[in-house]
Amino acid sequence: LWTALSALLFSLMGYRTTQALARFWEGTSLLHAMRGEWFDSASCLATFSMTAKKDKSKEVTMFRQTLLRLFSLCHGSALDEIRDDETQDYEVLDLEGLDDRTLRIIDDCKKHQFNRVEVILHMIQVLVIDANERKVINVPPPILSRVYQTLSRGFVHLLSAKKIRDTRYPFPYAQLISVLLVILVVSAPLALSAVVKDPLFASLASFLPVFGMFALNYIAEELEMPYGDDSNDLPLDKFQKEMNSSLLMLIHDCSDHIASCASRAKTSYAGLSDALQGARTSMVVDARMSWDPRRPATERRRSRRSMFVEARMSRLSEES
């Protein structure tokens, strides 16, 4: 009887642990996918407005600034919505910079029982249509429709993340595991003391399996809900900070820089092949020097130079 109950408990614990780890991994994957989709939308819209900067500089600046704040607020509201306990306290890029009517509409979402993320996404779509009508964005409709697709995919990822928050591990399974754990606590010492005669070994044989089962159960319970405020939950505040840093990049002075090749660039097949071979040889030499145990640690760290540093040094040597 003890063996049958233990086997049932072990199988249930294995199933719950597997499901908990899958939920945790899916939870972080969905949040990264959501952020990627929405940042891609913001980046495309900022790029689409670049051609209008010469004639409509003020309109383009206002469009980008509004877009920046709406995406930051949308992403923060989405992360707050999937929390185990909504706080409405998250980092937003200059929320006060939005106009009063927009702030009032967003603030009244709870009163009208509107979903805040849906309202902000609708605002973004309206803003894009208005910018397209005023030629602030001047791209063909098939290309502009890609922005709506990425916005939609990001919202689908959010709904999938909410599924993890709203759908907990089935309660009957959790109760059965708890009952079986109590039975194991009582039956394990009785069953093992009849087989193991040494009191010390019998105590260890009883304690370790029970301790392992309780530990696995608590770990699974902790991982099943990854959107909380515990130390083992996903760092939602960090995700919001990373999104804000990415959005700030879109209004940097260098955001509209058009990259090009310098006059020193190697354009022939032979020249590029030689340069690639030289870079590979240099990387191998640097790797060997950095991992040479006979050299002091400070010198090994000093030998690991960034490829951008190498490019700047090469350019300076050519200019001198």
Protein backbone atom coordinates (compact mmCIF):
# COMPACT_ATOMS: atom_id res chain seq x y z
CA LEU A 1 0.00 0.00 0.00
CA TRP A 2 2.81 2.41 0.90
CA THR A 3 4.58 1.64 -2.37
CA ALA A 4 1.41 2.23 -4.41
CA LEU A 5 0.68 5.56 -2.69
CA SER A 6 4.30 6.69 -3.09
CA ALA A 7 4.31 5.83 -6.78
CA LEU A 8 1.08 7.80 -7.29
CA LEU A 9 2.52 10.78 -5.41
CA PHE A 10 5.78 10.66 -7.37
CA SER A 11 3.92 10.64 -10.69
CA LEU A 12 1.68 13.54 -9.66
CA MET A 13 4.65 15.56 -8.42
CA GLY A 14 6.55 14.92 -11.64
CA TYR A 15 3.56 16.07 -13.69
CA ARG A 16 3.06 19.22 -11.60
CA THR A 17 6.75 20.14 -11.67
CA THR A 18 6.88 19.69 -15.45
CA GLN A 19 3.78 21.84 -15.94
CA ALA A 20 5.08 24.54 -13.58
CA LEU A 21 8.40 24.83 -15.41
CA ALA A 22 6.60 24.93 -18.76
CA ARG A 23 4.31 27.73 -17.54
CA PHE A 24 7.27 29.72 -16.24
CA TRP A 25 9.23 29.35 -19.49
CA GLU A 26 6.18 30.17 -21.62
CA GLY A 27 5.48 33.20 -19.44
CA THR A 28 8.87 34.79 -20.01
CA SER A 29 8.82 33.87 -23.73
CA LEU A 30 5.46 35.59 -24.23
CA LEU A 31 6.60 38.79 -22.52
CA HIS A 32 9.76 39.00 -24.62
CA ALA A 33 7.73 38.34 -27.78
CA MET A 34 5.22 41.04 -26.82
CA ARG A 35 7.95 43.58 -26.23
CA GLY A 36 9.64 42.68 -29.51
CA GLU A 37 6.44 43.08 -31.52
CA TRP A 38 5.53 46.44 -29.99
CA PHE A 39 9.02 47.86 -30.24
CA ASP A 40 9.15 46.75 -33.87
CA SER A 41 5.92 48.68 -34.46
CA ALA A 42 7.31 51.80 -32.80
CA SER A 43 10.59 51.55 -34.70
CA CYS A 44 8.81 51.13 -38.05
CA LEU A 45 6.53 54.10 -37.41
CA ALA A 46 9.46 56.31 -36.41
CA THR A 47 11.28 55.25 -39.58
CA PHE A 48 8.25 55.86 -41.78
CA SER A 49 8.12 59.47 -40.58
CA MET A 50 11.76 60.18 -41.46
CA THR A 51 11.06 61.38 -45.01
CA ALA A 52 8.66 64.06 -43.76
CA LYS A 53 11.17 65.70 -41.39
CA LYS A 54 12.33 68.24 -43.97
CA ASP A 55 8.89 69.71 -44.69
CA LYS A 56 7.04 68.87 -41.46
CA SER A 57 9.66 68.83 -38.76
CA LYS A 58 7.33 69.97 -35.98
CA GLU A 59 4.60 67.49 -36.89
CA VAL A 60 7.07 64.62 -37.06
CA THR A 61 8.52 65.53 -33.66
CA MET A 62 5.07 65.72 -32.09
CA PHE A 63 4.08 62.39 -33.66
CA ARG A 64 7.19 60.63 -32.38
CA GLN A 65 6.93 62.10 -28.90
CA THR A 66 3.28 61.07 -28.59
CA LEU A 67 4.03 57.63 -29.98
CA LEU A 68 6.89 57.18 -27.53
CA ARG A 69 4.70 57.90 -24.51
CA LEU A 70 1.79 55.77 -25.69
CA PHE A 71 3.97 52.72 -26.32
CA SER A 72 5.68 53.11 -22.96
CA LEU A 73 2.31 53.42 -21.22
CA CYS A 74 0.89 50.50 -23.21
CA HIS A 75 3.75 48.17 -22.33
CA GLY A 76 3.69 49.19 -18.66
CA SER A 77 -0.08 48.75 -18.47
CA ALA A 78 0.23 45.31 -20.05
CA LEU A 79 2.82 44.18 -17.49
CA ASP A 80 0.73 45.60 -14.66
CA GLU A 81 -2.37 43.84 -15.98
CA ILE A 82 -0.82 40.39 -15.78
CA ARG A 83 0.55 40.86 -12.27
CA ASP A 84 -0.89 38.75 -9.53
CA ASP A 85 -1.93 42.03 -7.90
CA GLU A 86 -2.25 45.15 -10.08
CA THR A 87 -0.42 48.14 -8.63
CA GLN A 88 -0.86 50.84 -11.31
CA ASP A 89 2.61 51.97 -10.31
CA TYR A 90 5.18 51.48 -13.06
CA GLU A 91 7.78 53.49 -14.95
CA VAL A 92 6.39 55.51 -17.88
CA LEU A 93 8.25 57.95 -20.10
CA ASP A 94 6.96 61.42 -19.17
CA LEU A 95 3.30 60.51 -18.65
CA GLU A 96 2.51 64.14 -17.84
CA GLY A 97 3.64 65.07 -21.34
CA LEU A 98 0.40 63.72 -22.83
CA ASP A 99 -2.49 66.14 -23.26
CA ASP A 100 -5.14 66.41 -20.53
CA ARG A 101 -7.94 64.79 -22.53
CA THR A 102 -5.80 61.74 -23.30
CA LEU A 103 -4.84 61.38 -19.64
CA ARG A 104 -8.47 61.70 -18.60
CA ILE A 105 -9.61 59.02 -21.07
CA ILE A 106 -6.92 56.62 -19.87
CA ASP A 107 -7.68 57.34 -16.23
CA ASP A 108 -11.42 56.70 -16.74
CA CYS A 109 -10.88 53.22 -18.19
CA LYS A 110 -11.59 51.53 -14.86
CA LYS A 111 -14.73 53.59 -14.34
CA HIS A 112 -16.15 52.55 -17.71
CA GLN A 113 -14.81 48.99 -17.30
CA PHE A 114 -12.59 49.36 -20.36
CA ASN A 115 -9.35 47.48 -20.78
CA ARG A 116 -6.58 50.06 -20.57
CA VAL A 117 -4.24 48.26 -22.95
CA GLU A 118 -6.97 47.97 -25.58
CA VAL A 119 -7.75 51.68 -25.24
CA ILE A 120 -4.10 52.68 -25.65
CA LEU A 121 -3.62 50.36 -28.64
CA HIS A 122 -6.68 51.95 -30.24
CA MET A 123 -5.18 55.38 -29.57
CA ILE A 124 -1.98 54.32 -31.31
CA GLN A 125 -3.91 53.10 -34.34
CA VAL A 126 -5.90 56.34 -34.51
CA LEU A 127 -2.67 58.32 -34.21
CA VAL A 128 -1.13 56.36 -37.09
CA ILE A 129 -4.16 56.89 -39.33
CA ASP A 130 -4.14 60.61 -38.58
CA ALA A 131 -0.41 60.84 -39.31
CA ASN A 132 -0.93 59.01 -42.57
CA GLU A 133 -3.70 61.40 -43.59
CA ARG A 134 -1.51 64.43 -42.83
CA LYS A 135 1.43 62.85 -44.73
CA VAL A 136 3.56 62.70 -41.60
CA ILE A 137 3.86 59.03 -42.54
CA ASN A 138 4.23 58.54 -46.25
CA VAL A 139 4.47 54.85 -47.09
CA PRO A 140 2.31 52.55 -49.26
CA PRO A 141 -0.66 50.95 -47.44
CA PRO A 142 0.66 47.37 -47.73
CA ILE A 143 3.81 48.40 -45.87
CA LEU A 144 1.89 50.37 -43.25
CA SER A 145 -0.40 47.40 -42.63
CA ARG A 146 2.60 45.50 -41.26
CA VAL A 147 2.56 47.82 -38.27
CA TYR A 148 -1.01 46.81 -37.45
CA GLN A 149 -0.03 43.16 -37.75
CA THR A 150 2.80 43.51 -35.24
CA LEU A 151 0.54 45.47 -32.88
CA SER A 152 -2.02 42.69 -33.11
CA ARG A 153 0.54 39.94 -32.54
CA GLY A 154 1.87 41.73 -29.48
CA PHE A 155 -1.66 41.93 -28.04
CA VAL A 156 -2.20 38.22 -28.74
CA HIS A 157 0.98 37.47 -26.78
CA LEU A 158 -0.41 39.54 -23.91
CA LEU A 159 -3.67 37.56 -23.90
CA SER A 160 -1.68 34.32 -23.87
CA ALA A 161 0.27 35.61 -20.87
CA LYS A 162 -3.02 36.47 -19.14
CA LYS A 163 -4.10 32.88 -19.75
CA ILE A 164 -1.23 31.76 -17.53
CA ARG A 165 -2.28 34.18 -14.81
CA ASP A 166 -5.99 33.34 -14.94
CA THR A 167 -5.68 29.56 -15.34
CA ARG A 168 -4.08 28.11 -12.25
CA TYR A 169 -3.05 24.52 -11.62
CA PRO A 170 -6.27 22.45 -11.14
CA PHE A 171 -7.37 22.60 -7.52
CA PRO A 172 -8.35 18.90 -7.20
CA TYR A 173 -4.86 17.85 -8.27
CA ALA A 174 -3.26 20.22 -5.75
CA GLN A 175 -5.51 18.94 -2.95
CA LEU A 176 -4.76 15.31 -3.83
CA ILE A 177 -1.02 16.03 -3.69
CA SER A 178 -1.41 17.69 -0.28
CA VAL A 179 -3.34 14.72 1.12
CA LEU A 180 -0.83 12.23 -0.26
CA LEU A 181 2.04 14.24 1.26
CA VAL A 182 0.39 14.02 4.70
CA ILE A 183 -0.08 10.27 4.26
CA LEU A 184 3.58 9.96 3.21
CA VAL A 185 4.72 11.77 6.35
CA VAL A 186 2.85 9.25 8.52
CA SER A 187 3.43 6.07 6.52
CA ALA A 188 7.09 6.51 5.52
CA PRO A 189 8.56 6.06 9.03
CA LEU A 190 6.29 3.08 9.73
CA ALA A 191 7.09 1.31 6.47
CA LEU A 192 10.83 1.97 6.46
CA SER A 193 11.37 1.15 10.14
CA ALA A 194 10.11 -2.36 9.43
CA VAL A 195 12.66 -2.82 6.65
CA VAL A 196 15.68 -0.85 7.95
CA LYS A 197 16.69 -1.98 11.42
CA ASP A 198 19.28 0.71 12.12
CA PRO A 199 17.49 3.71 13.70
CA LEU A 200 19.81 6.29 12.08
CA PHE A 201 19.43 4.91 8.56
CA ALA A 202 15.70 4.46 9.06
CA SER A 203 15.36 8.12 10.07
CA LEU A 204 17.36 9.30 7.07
CA ALA A 205 15.45 7.02 4.69
CA SER A 206 12.19 8.45 6.03
CA PHE A 207 13.20 12.09 6.13
CA LEU A 208 14.90 12.56 2.77
CA PRO A 209 12.06 11.37 0.46
CA VAL A 210 9.49 13.34 2.43
CA PHE A 211 11.67 16.45 2.39
CA GLY A 212 12.26 16.08 -1.37
CA MET A 213 8.53 15.75 -2.11
CA PHE A 214 7.62 18.79 -0.03
CA ALA A 215 10.43 20.80 -1.65
CA LEU A 216 9.30 19.87 -5.17
CA ASN A 217 5.72 20.77 -4.32
CA TYR A 218 6.67 24.21 -2.99
CA ILE A 219 8.97 24.87 -5.97
CA ALA A 220 6.21 23.95 -8.41
CA GLU A 221 3.77 26.18 -6.56
CA GLU A 222 6.25 29.05 -6.80
CA LEU A 223 6.90 28.61 -10.52
CA GLU A 224 3.26 28.18 -11.56
CA MET A 225 2.58 31.91 -11.25
CA PRO A 226 5.57 33.80 -12.72
CA TYR A 227 3.93 37.25 -12.65
CA GLY A 228 4.14 38.10 -8.98
CA ASP A 229 6.42 40.18 -6.78
CA ASP A 230 8.38 37.34 -5.18
CA SER A 231 12.12 37.00 -5.65
CA ASN A 232 11.62 33.96 -7.89
CA ASP A 233 9.10 35.67 -10.18
CA LEU A 234 9.89 37.38 -13.47
CA PRO A 235 11.40 40.90 -13.13
CA LEU A 236 8.51 42.85 -14.66
CA ASP A 237 9.93 46.21 -13.57
CA LYS A 238 13.18 45.38 -15.37
CA PHE A 239 11.25 44.50 -18.53
CA GLN A 240 9.56 47.91 -18.43
CA LYS A 241 12.87 49.72 -17.95
CA GLU A 242 14.37 47.88 -20.92
CA MET A 243 11.39 48.81 -23.08
CA ASN A 244 11.70 52.48 -22.08
CA SER A 245 15.41 52.48 -22.90
CA SER A 246 14.66 50.99 -26.31
CA LEU A 247 11.98 53.61 -26.98
CA LEU A 248 14.32 56.43 -25.96
CA MET A 249 16.69 55.29 -28.67
CA LEU A 250 14.06 56.20 -31.29
CA ILE A 251 14.25 59.92 -30.43
CA HIS A 252 18.02 60.11 -30.03
CA ASP A 253 19.89 62.56 -32.26
CA CYS A 254 21.47 59.64 -34.12
CA SER A 255 18.23 57.67 -34.59
CA ASP A 256 17.81 58.88 -38.21
CA HIS A 257 21.45 58.41 -39.14
CA ILE A 258 21.90 56.79 -42.55
CA ALA A 259 24.80 54.37 -42.46
CA SER A 260 27.22 54.22 -45.38
CA CYS A 261 30.62 52.81 -46.28
CA ALA A 262 33.73 54.94 -45.93
CA SER A 263 36.23 55.48 -48.71
CA ARG A 264 38.62 53.03 -47.02
CA ALA A 265 36.07 50.20 -47.31
CA LYS A 266 37.22 47.09 -49.17
CA THR A 267 34.72 46.46 -51.95
CA SER A 268 36.38 43.66 -53.92
CA TYR A 269 35.92 39.97 -53.19
CA ALA A 270 39.65 39.45 -52.62
CA GLY A 271 39.90 42.42 -50.28
CA LEU A 272 36.92 41.32 -48.16
CA SER A 273 38.21 37.74 -48.03
CA ASP A 274 41.64 38.91 -46.82
CA ALA A 275 40.07 41.18 -44.22
CA LEU A 276 37.85 38.35 -42.95
CA GLN A 277 40.79 35.97 -42.71
CA GLY A 278 42.80 38.58 -40.83
CA ALA A 279 39.94 39.15 -38.39
CA ARG A 280 39.63 35.41 -37.75
CA THR A 281 43.35 35.07 -37.12
CA SER A 282 43.29 38.05 -34.74
CA MET A 283 40.37 36.55 -32.79
CA VAL A 284 42.17 33.24 -32.39
CA VAL A 285 45.32 34.96 -31.15
CA ASP A 286 43.37 37.14 -28.70
CA ALA A 287 41.50 34.11 -27.40
CA ARG A 288 44.72 32.22 -26.77
CA MET A 289 46.30 35.19 -25.02
CA SER A 290 43.24 35.83 -22.87
CA TRP A 291 43.13 32.24 -21.66
CA ASP A 292 46.86 31.80 -21.07
CA PRO A 293 47.06 30.73 -17.38
CA ARG A 294 50.66 31.91 -17.12
CA ARG A 295 49.68 35.53 -17.63
CA PRO A 296 48.23 37.65 -14.80
CA ALA A 297 44.45 38.07 -14.78
CA THR A 298 44.67 41.83 -15.35
CA GLU A 299 46.72 41.35 -18.52
CA ARG A 300 44.33 38.66 -19.79
CA ARG A 301 41.40 41.04 -19.41
CA ARG A 302 43.36 43.82 -21.09
CA SER A 303 43.94 41.66 -24.16
CA ARG A 304 40.22 41.24 -24.85
CA ARG A 305 39.56 44.33 -26.92
CA SER A 306 36.27 45.04 -28.58
CA MET A 307 36.09 44.77 -32.36
CA PHE A 308 34.87 48.37 -32.42
CA VAL A 309 38.00 49.45 -30.55
CA GLU A 310 40.11 47.55 -33.07
CA ALA A 311 38.31 49.28 -35.96
CA ARG A 312 38.89 52.73 -34.45
CA MET A 313 42.57 52.00 -33.80
CA SER A 314 43.01 50.76 -37.36
CA ARG A 315 41.39 53.90 -38.73
CA LEU A 316 43.55 56.16 -36.57
CA SER A 317 46.71 54.38 -37.66
CA GLU A 318 45.75 54.78 -41.32
CA GLU A 319 45.02 58.49 -40.85
CA SER A 320 48.34 59.10 -39.08
